Amino acid sequence: MSTLMEDDIKRWTAKRKTALVLDIIQGKTTVAEASRAYDLTPSEVDAWVEEGKRGMENALRSKPLEVKEQYERQVRELQEAYGEAMLELRARKKLASLLGNEDEK
């Protein structure tokens, strides 16, 4: 692990998260190893890695987005995904009612 990592981390600062994410990206450790070593959930570490990737992608753009723009875009994408899921759910319920499968409501 990176030299920025102490054995007993009380608070995960951005600098510590960055060091851990870089170690994962560089193949020095894995998400599973890091989550075990630092008593973190794999989903928490995965979220840090994904956020780091988005940040790097944005930083390497010729015209980087403002943080507000990034979050607004992310919210729009999530709203679209939610809307699609709701449409699919309604369609399944409608199909179930047309087929007489009242159990699936």
C-alpha atoms as a PDB file:
ATOM      1  CA  MET A   1       0.000   0.000   0.000  1.00  0.00           C
ATOM      2  CA  SER A   2       0.961   3.604  -0.363  1.00  0.00           C
ATOM      3  CA  THR A   3       3.053   5.377   2.265  1.00  0.00           C
ATOM      4  CA  LEU A   4       0.101   7.708   2.950  1.00  0.00           C
ATOM      5  CA  MET A   5      -1.786   4.842   4.570  1.00  0.00           C
ATOM      6  CA  GLU A   6      -1.480   4.434   8.312  1.00  0.00           C
ATOM      7  CA  ASP A   7      -2.613   1.248  10.018  1.00  0.00           C
ATOM      8  CA  ASP A   8      -5.267   2.932  12.161  1.00  0.00           C
ATOM      9  CA  ILE A   9      -7.083   5.460   9.957  1.00  0.00           C
ATOM     10  CA  LYS A  10      -9.653   7.432  11.895  1.00  0.00           C
ATOM     11  CA  ARG A  11     -10.863   9.661   9.052  1.00  0.00           C
ATOM     12  CA  TRP A  12     -10.726   9.076   5.312  1.00  0.00           C
ATOM     13  CA  THR A  13      -9.568  12.377   3.875  1.00  0.00           C
ATOM     14  CA  ALA A  14      -9.621  13.066   0.151  1.00  0.00           C
ATOM     15  CA  LYS A  15      -5.850  12.593   0.089  1.00  0.00           C
ATOM     16  CA  ARG A  16      -6.092   9.130   1.675  1.00  0.00           C
ATOM     17  CA  LYS A  17      -8.956   8.106  -0.608  1.00  0.00           C
ATOM     18  CA  THR A  18      -6.931   9.271  -3.612  1.00  0.00           C
ATOM     19  CA  ALA A  19      -3.901   7.254  -2.521  1.00  0.00           C
ATOM     20  CA  LEU A  20      -6.034   4.121  -2.101  1.00  0.00           C
ATOM     21  CA  VAL A  21      -7.808   4.622  -5.451  1.00  0.00           C
ATOM     22  CA  LEU A  22      -4.462   5.103  -7.212  1.00  0.00           C
ATOM     23  CA  ASP A  23      -3.134   1.908  -5.616  1.00  0.00           C
ATOM     24  CA  ILE A  24      -6.186   0.052  -6.946  1.00  0.00           C
ATOM     25  CA  ILE A  25      -5.935   1.566 -10.434  1.00  0.00           C
ATOM     26  CA  GLN A  26      -2.198   0.818 -10.584  1.00  0.00           C
ATOM     27  CA  GLY A  27      -2.833  -2.786  -9.569  1.00  0.00           C
ATOM     28  CA  LYS A  28      -0.963  -2.556  -6.276  1.00  0.00           C
ATOM     29  CA  THR A  29      -4.061  -3.809  -4.454  1.00  0.00           C
ATOM     30  CA  THR A  30      -7.622  -4.823  -5.194  1.00  0.00           C
ATOM     31  CA  VAL A  31     -10.954  -3.531  -3.944  1.00  0.00           C
ATOM     32  CA  ALA A  32     -11.427  -6.718  -1.923  1.00  0.00           C
ATOM     33  CA  GLU A  33      -7.979  -6.482  -0.323  1.00  0.00           C
ATOM     34  CA  ALA A  34      -8.421  -2.795   0.491  1.00  0.00           C
ATOM     35  CA  SER A  35     -11.872  -3.299   1.977  1.00  0.00           C
ATOM     36  CA  ARG A  36     -10.555  -6.088   4.227  1.00  0.00           C
ATOM     37  CA  ALA A  37      -7.392  -4.223   5.206  1.00  0.00           C
ATOM     38  CA  TYR A  38      -9.168  -0.996   6.149  1.00  0.00           C
ATOM     39  CA  ASP A  39     -12.500  -2.423   7.329  1.00  0.00           C
ATOM     40  CA  LEU A  40     -14.466  -0.736   4.529  1.00  0.00           C
ATOM     41  CA  THR A  41     -17.297  -2.140   2.472  1.00  0.00           C
ATOM     42  CA  PRO A  42     -16.391  -3.146  -1.088  1.00  0.00           C
ATOM     43  CA  SER A  43     -19.227  -0.957  -2.393  1.00  0.00           C
ATOM     44  CA  GLU A  44     -17.752   2.063  -0.579  1.00  0.00           C
ATOM     45  CA  VAL A  45     -14.318   1.469  -2.117  1.00  0.00           C
ATOM     46  CA  ASP A  46     -15.900   0.833  -5.543  1.00  0.00           C
ATOM     47  CA  ALA A  47     -17.753   4.142  -5.272  1.00  0.00           C
ATOM     48  CA  TRP A  48     -14.463   5.945  -4.551  1.00  0.00           C
ATOM     49  CA  VAL A  49     -12.846   4.292  -7.588  1.00  0.00           C
ATOM     50  CA  GLU A  50     -15.763   5.234  -9.852  1.00  0.00           C
ATOM     51  CA  GLU A  51     -15.792   8.806  -8.549  1.00  0.00           C
ATOM     52  CA  GLY A  52     -12.040   9.001  -9.143  1.00  0.00           C
ATOM     53  CA  LYS A  53     -12.444   7.778 -12.713  1.00  0.00           C
ATOM     54  CA  ARG A  54     -15.162  10.367 -13.384  1.00  0.00           C
ATOM     55  CA  GLY A  55     -12.951  13.071 -11.908  1.00  0.00           C
ATOM     56  CA  MET A  56      -9.996  12.027 -14.048  1.00  0.00           C
ATOM     57  CA  GLU A  57     -12.131  11.905 -17.174  1.00  0.00           C
ATOM     58  CA  ASN A  58     -13.432  15.386 -16.473  1.00  0.00           C
ATOM     59  CA  ALA A  59      -9.946  16.740 -15.682  1.00  0.00           C
ATOM     60  CA  LEU A  60      -8.629  15.450 -19.008  1.00  0.00           C
ATOM     61  CA  ARG A  61     -11.386  17.061 -21.078  1.00  0.00           C
ATOM     62  CA  SER A  62     -10.406  19.981 -23.241  1.00  0.00           C
ATOM     63  CA  LYS A  63     -13.176  21.932 -21.514  1.00  0.00           C
ATOM     64  CA  PRO A  64     -13.688  20.445 -18.030  1.00  0.00           C
ATOM     65  CA  LEU A  65     -17.177  20.619 -16.592  1.00  0.00           C
ATOM     66  CA  GLU A  66     -17.831  22.505 -13.415  1.00  0.00           C
ATOM     67  CA  VAL A  67     -18.633  20.320 -10.411  1.00  0.00           C
ATOM     68  CA  LYS A  68     -22.215  21.610 -10.470  1.00  0.00           C
ATOM     69  CA  GLU A  69     -22.554  20.638 -14.128  1.00  0.00           C
ATOM     70  CA  GLN A  70     -21.180  17.162 -13.398  1.00  0.00           C
ATOM     71  CA  TYR A  71     -23.708  16.542 -10.653  1.00  0.00           C
ATOM     72  CA  GLU A  72     -26.564  17.983 -12.706  1.00  0.00           C
ATOM     73  CA  ARG A  73     -25.663  15.633 -15.561  1.00  0.00           C
ATOM     74  CA  GLN A  74     -25.460  12.716 -13.153  1.00  0.00           C
ATOM     75  CA  VAL A  75     -28.881  13.612 -11.675  1.00  0.00           C
ATOM     76  CA  ARG A  76     -30.392  13.831 -15.180  1.00  0.00           C
ATOM     77  CA  GLU A  77     -28.995  10.396 -16.069  1.00  0.00           C
ATOM     78  CA  LEU A  78     -30.354   8.899 -12.848  1.00  0.00           C
ATOM     79  CA  GLN A  79     -33.765  10.507 -13.423  1.00  0.00           C
ATOM     80  CA  GLU A  80     -33.875   9.064 -16.939  1.00  0.00           C
ATOM     81  CA  ALA A  81     -32.967   5.602 -15.646  1.00  0.00           C
ATOM     82  CA  TYR A  82     -35.636   5.892 -12.938  1.00  0.00           C
ATOM     83  CA  GLY A  83     -38.226   6.961 -15.503  1.00  0.00           C
ATOM     84  CA  GLU A  84     -37.386   4.019 -17.733  1.00  0.00           C
ATOM     85  CA  ALA A  85     -37.624   1.615 -14.795  1.00  0.00           C
ATOM     86  CA  MET A  86     -41.024   3.025 -13.815  1.00  0.00           C
ATOM     87  CA  LEU A  87     -42.312   2.668 -17.386  1.00  0.00           C
ATOM     88  CA  GLU A  88     -41.151  -0.934 -17.492  1.00  0.00           C
ATOM     89  CA  LEU A  89     -42.780  -1.657 -14.139  1.00  0.00           C
ATOM     90  CA  ARG A  90     -46.084  -0.138 -15.278  1.00  0.00           C
ATOM     91  CA  ALA A  91     -45.945  -2.115 -18.520  1.00  0.00           C
ATOM     92  CA  ARG A  92     -45.345  -5.353 -16.628  1.00  0.00           C
ATOM     93  CA  LYS A  93     -48.266  -4.624 -14.281  1.00  0.00           C
ATOM     94  CA  LYS A  94     -50.527  -3.824 -17.220  1.00  0.00           C
ATOM     95  CA  LEU A  95     -49.508  -7.005 -19.011  1.00  0.00           C
ATOM     96  CA  ALA A  96     -50.073  -9.041 -15.843  1.00  0.00           C
ATOM     97  CA  SER A  97     -53.562  -7.576 -15.420  1.00  0.00           C
ATOM     98  CA  LEU A  98     -54.415  -8.218 -19.078  1.00  0.00           C
ATOM     99  CA  LEU A  99     -53.251 -11.814 -18.759  1.00  0.00           C
ATOM    100  CA  GLY A 100     -55.225 -12.232 -15.552  1.00  0.00           C
ATOM    101  CA  ASN A 101     -52.190 -12.681 -13.300  1.00  0.00           C
ATOM    102  CA  GLU A 102     -53.417 -10.699 -10.337  1.00  0.00           C
ATOM    103  CA  ASP A 103     -50.575 -12.096  -8.173  1.00  0.00           C
ATOM    104  CA  GLU A 104     -47.972  -9.955  -9.955  1.00  0.00           C
ATOM    105  CA  LYS A 105     -49.544  -6.601  -9.057  1.00  0.00           C
END
